[in-house]
Amino acid sequence: MKCKICKKKIELNYGDGLNNKLILLQVCFDCNFWIDKFENVNHINSVRIDNNHYWIGKESDPSADSFRGFSGRKFIIKFKNGREVKTTNLWHQGEIPKWCRKYLPDNATFVYKE
């Protein structure tokens, strides 16, 4: 079976739950990844800048032994609604494919990148 969006072959190596979802939606893993982002389009941690998708992770003690997005670099993000967020735990999730940019429009800009 081929993905109805990108036409790639749908691989079913992910376990019954995800495999069943891919079959039901008739989409590949990659397209499903982006479809999942639609559900959180208005989430306060969802950041979209220059057609790239980011997620603001939980802030914790920088000295704690934990993984941090961008190795803990500091970012200041200004959302189009005026909200400003400072984070040291920003995760890049990839460039938003052209087919779904209308569903995931840019919602912020970088004010500062360390």
C-alpha atoms as a PDB file:
ATOM      1  CA  MET A   1       0.000   0.000   0.000  1.00  0.00           C
ATOM      2  CA  LYS A   2       1.216   3.525  -0.792  1.00  0.00           C
ATOM      3  CA  CYS A   3       0.789   6.677   1.257  1.00  0.00           C
ATOM      4  CA  LYS A   4      -2.097   8.753  -0.050  1.00  0.00           C
ATOM      5  CA  ILE A   5      -0.097  11.941   0.615  1.00  0.00           C
ATOM      6  CA  CYS A   6       3.499  11.356  -0.508  1.00  0.00           C
ATOM      7  CA  LYS A   7       3.019   8.102  -2.463  1.00  0.00           C
ATOM      8  CA  LYS A   8       5.852   6.299  -0.607  1.00  0.00           C
ATOM      9  CA  LYS A   9       5.351   2.652   0.346  1.00  0.00           C
ATOM     10  CA  ILE A  10       3.763   2.333   3.797  1.00  0.00           C
ATOM     11  CA  GLU A  11       6.078   0.277   6.010  1.00  0.00           C
ATOM     12  CA  LEU A  12       4.411  -1.558   8.892  1.00  0.00           C
ATOM     13  CA  ASN A  13       7.224  -2.225  11.381  1.00  0.00           C
ATOM     14  CA  TYR A  14       6.005  -0.180  14.360  1.00  0.00           C
ATOM     15  CA  GLY A  15       3.748  -2.378  16.469  1.00  0.00           C
ATOM     16  CA  ASP A  16       0.047  -3.031  16.177  1.00  0.00           C
ATOM     17  CA  GLY A  17      -1.191   0.342  17.466  1.00  0.00           C
ATOM     18  CA  LEU A  18       0.774   2.508  15.060  1.00  0.00           C
ATOM     19  CA  ASN A  19       0.547  -0.009  12.199  1.00  0.00           C
ATOM     20  CA  ASN A  20      -3.255  -0.006  12.500  1.00  0.00           C
ATOM     21  CA  LYS A  21      -3.327   3.799  12.475  1.00  0.00           C
ATOM     22  CA  LEU A  22      -1.156   3.968   9.351  1.00  0.00           C
ATOM     23  CA  ILE A  23      -3.425   1.473   7.590  1.00  0.00           C
ATOM     24  CA  LEU A  24      -6.581   3.295   8.698  1.00  0.00           C
ATOM     25  CA  LEU A  25      -5.295   6.702   7.566  1.00  0.00           C
ATOM     26  CA  GLN A  26      -3.464   5.238   4.547  1.00  0.00           C
ATOM     27  CA  VAL A  27      -0.359   7.282   5.322  1.00  0.00           C
ATOM     28  CA  CYS A  28       3.330   6.516   5.874  1.00  0.00           C
ATOM     29  CA  PHE A  29       5.207   7.034   9.146  1.00  0.00           C
ATOM     30  CA  ASP A  30       6.608  10.421   8.043  1.00  0.00           C
ATOM     31  CA  CYS A  31       3.263  11.864   6.956  1.00  0.00           C
ATOM     32  CA  ASN A  32       1.646  10.531  10.145  1.00  0.00           C
ATOM     33  CA  PHE A  33       4.335  12.345  12.182  1.00  0.00           C
ATOM     34  CA  TRP A  34       3.196  15.659  10.686  1.00  0.00           C
ATOM     35  CA  ILE A  35      -0.510  14.849  10.938  1.00  0.00           C
ATOM     36  CA  ASP A  36       0.044  14.303  14.673  1.00  0.00           C
ATOM     37  CA  LYS A  37       1.363  17.882  14.900  1.00  0.00           C
ATOM     38  CA  PHE A  38      -2.020  19.185  13.659  1.00  0.00           C
ATOM     39  CA  GLU A  39      -3.602  18.035  16.935  1.00  0.00           C
ATOM     40  CA  ASN A  40      -1.279  20.348  18.905  1.00  0.00           C
ATOM     41  CA  VAL A  41      -1.273  23.308  16.531  1.00  0.00           C
ATOM     42  CA  ASN A  42      -2.525  25.625  19.310  1.00  0.00           C
ATOM     43  CA  HIS A  43      -0.537  24.079  22.169  1.00  0.00           C
ATOM     44  CA  ILE A  44       1.550  26.643  24.082  1.00  0.00           C
ATOM     45  CA  ASN A  45       4.721  24.573  23.486  1.00  0.00           C
ATOM     46  CA  SER A  46       4.291  24.314  19.710  1.00  0.00           C
ATOM     47  CA  VAL A  47       6.609  26.749  17.919  1.00  0.00           C
ATOM     48  CA  ARG A  48       6.737  27.273  14.173  1.00  0.00           C
ATOM     49  CA  ILE A  49       9.358  29.613  12.742  1.00  0.00           C
ATOM     50  CA  ASP A  50      10.391  29.883   9.077  1.00  0.00           C
ATOM     51  CA  ASN A  51       8.537  26.652   8.214  1.00  0.00           C
ATOM     52  CA  ASN A  52      10.358  24.705  10.939  1.00  0.00           C
ATOM     53  CA  HIS A  53       8.624  22.997  13.841  1.00  0.00           C
ATOM     54  CA  TYR A  54       9.982  23.203  17.389  1.00  0.00           C
ATOM     55  CA  TRP A  55       8.723  22.050  20.772  1.00  0.00           C
ATOM     56  CA  ILE A  56       9.464  23.828  24.042  1.00  0.00           C
ATOM     57  CA  GLY A  57      10.473  21.206  26.585  1.00  0.00           C
ATOM     58  CA  LYS A  58      10.130  21.424  30.344  1.00  0.00           C
ATOM     59  CA  GLU A  59      12.640  23.722  31.999  1.00  0.00           C
ATOM     60  CA  SER A  60      14.709  22.086  34.704  1.00  0.00           C
ATOM     61  CA  ASP A  61      17.863  22.767  36.626  1.00  0.00           C
ATOM     62  CA  PRO A  62      20.524  23.268  33.907  1.00  0.00           C
ATOM     63  CA  SER A  63      23.034  21.445  36.109  1.00  0.00           C
ATOM     64  CA  ALA A  64      20.791  18.378  36.224  1.00  0.00           C
ATOM     65  CA  ASP A  65      22.054  15.407  34.245  1.00  0.00           C
ATOM     66  CA  SER A  66      19.381  15.378  31.546  1.00  0.00           C
ATOM     67  CA  PHE A  67      19.086  15.816  27.809  1.00  0.00           C
ATOM     68  CA  ARG A  68      18.134  19.296  26.686  1.00  0.00           C
ATOM     69  CA  GLY A  69      17.169  20.485  23.245  1.00  0.00           C
ATOM     70  CA  PHE A  70      20.004  22.264  21.421  1.00  0.00           C
ATOM     71  CA  SER A  71      22.281  21.163  24.319  1.00  0.00           C
ATOM     72  CA  GLY A  72      20.674  23.734  26.618  1.00  0.00           C
ATOM     73  CA  ARG A  73      21.291  26.817  24.466  1.00  0.00           C
ATOM     74  CA  LYS A  74      19.149  29.808  25.426  1.00  0.00           C
ATOM     75  CA  PHE A  75      16.369  31.006  23.128  1.00  0.00           C
ATOM     76  CA  ILE A  76      13.881  33.829  23.436  1.00  0.00           C
ATOM     77  CA  ILE A  77      10.799  33.298  21.292  1.00  0.00           C
ATOM     78  CA  LYS A  78       8.126  35.888  20.537  1.00  0.00           C
ATOM     79  CA  PHE A  79       4.756  34.511  19.492  1.00  0.00           C
ATOM     80  CA  LYS A  80       2.473  36.387  17.117  1.00  0.00           C
ATOM     81  CA  ASN A  81      -0.036  36.814  19.971  1.00  0.00           C
ATOM     82  CA  GLY A  82       2.581  38.838  21.903  1.00  0.00           C
ATOM     83  CA  ARG A  83       3.628  36.124  24.362  1.00  0.00           C
ATOM     84  CA  GLU A  84       7.369  35.843  24.904  1.00  0.00           C
ATOM     85  CA  VAL A  85       9.088  32.683  26.137  1.00  0.00           C
ATOM     86  CA  LYS A  86      12.652  32.127  27.348  1.00  0.00           C
ATOM     87  CA  THR A  87      13.806  28.528  27.138  1.00  0.00           C
ATOM     88  CA  THR A  88      16.928  26.425  27.424  1.00  0.00           C
ATOM     89  CA  ASN A  89      15.108  23.293  26.262  1.00  0.00           C
ATOM     90  CA  LEU A  90      13.969  23.820  22.666  1.00  0.00           C
ATOM     91  CA  TRP A  91      13.604  20.756  20.437  1.00  0.00           C
ATOM     92  CA  HIS A  92      13.736  20.990  16.645  1.00  0.00           C
ATOM     93  CA  GLN A  93      11.300  18.539  15.050  1.00  0.00           C
ATOM     94  CA  GLY A  94      12.140  19.251  11.440  1.00  0.00           C
ATOM     95  CA  GLU A  95      11.243  21.361   8.466  1.00  0.00           C
ATOM     96  CA  ILE A  96       7.502  21.364   7.886  1.00  0.00           C
ATOM     97  CA  PRO A  97       6.765  19.728   4.519  1.00  0.00           C
ATOM     98  CA  LYS A  98       5.120  21.969   1.933  1.00  0.00           C
ATOM     99  CA  TRP A  99       1.915  19.883   1.902  1.00  0.00           C
ATOM    100  CA  CYS A 100       1.114  20.683   5.542  1.00  0.00           C
ATOM    101  CA  ARG A 101       2.337  24.269   5.946  1.00  0.00           C
ATOM    102  CA  LYS A 102      -1.226  25.567   5.562  1.00  0.00           C
ATOM    103  CA  TYR A 103      -2.144  23.517   8.672  1.00  0.00           C
ATOM    104  CA  LEU A 104       0.999  24.497  10.594  1.00  0.00           C
ATOM    105  CA  PRO A 105       1.606  28.165   9.796  1.00  0.00           C
ATOM    106  CA  ASP A 106       4.412  30.113  11.444  1.00  0.00           C
ATOM    107  CA  ASN A 107       3.350  31.385  14.856  1.00  0.00           C
ATOM    108  CA  ALA A 108       6.531  32.943  16.258  1.00  0.00           C
ATOM    109  CA  THR A 109       9.947  34.454  15.635  1.00  0.00           C
ATOM    110  CA  PHE A 110      13.289  34.159  17.375  1.00  0.00           C
ATOM    111  CA  VAL A 111      14.196  37.232  19.393  1.00  0.00           C
ATOM    112  CA  TYR A 112      17.442  35.731  20.631  1.00  0.00           C
ATOM    113  CA  LYS A 113      19.428  32.568  19.864  1.00  0.00           C
ATOM    114  CA  GLU A 114      22.529  31.743  21.902  1.00  0.00           C
END
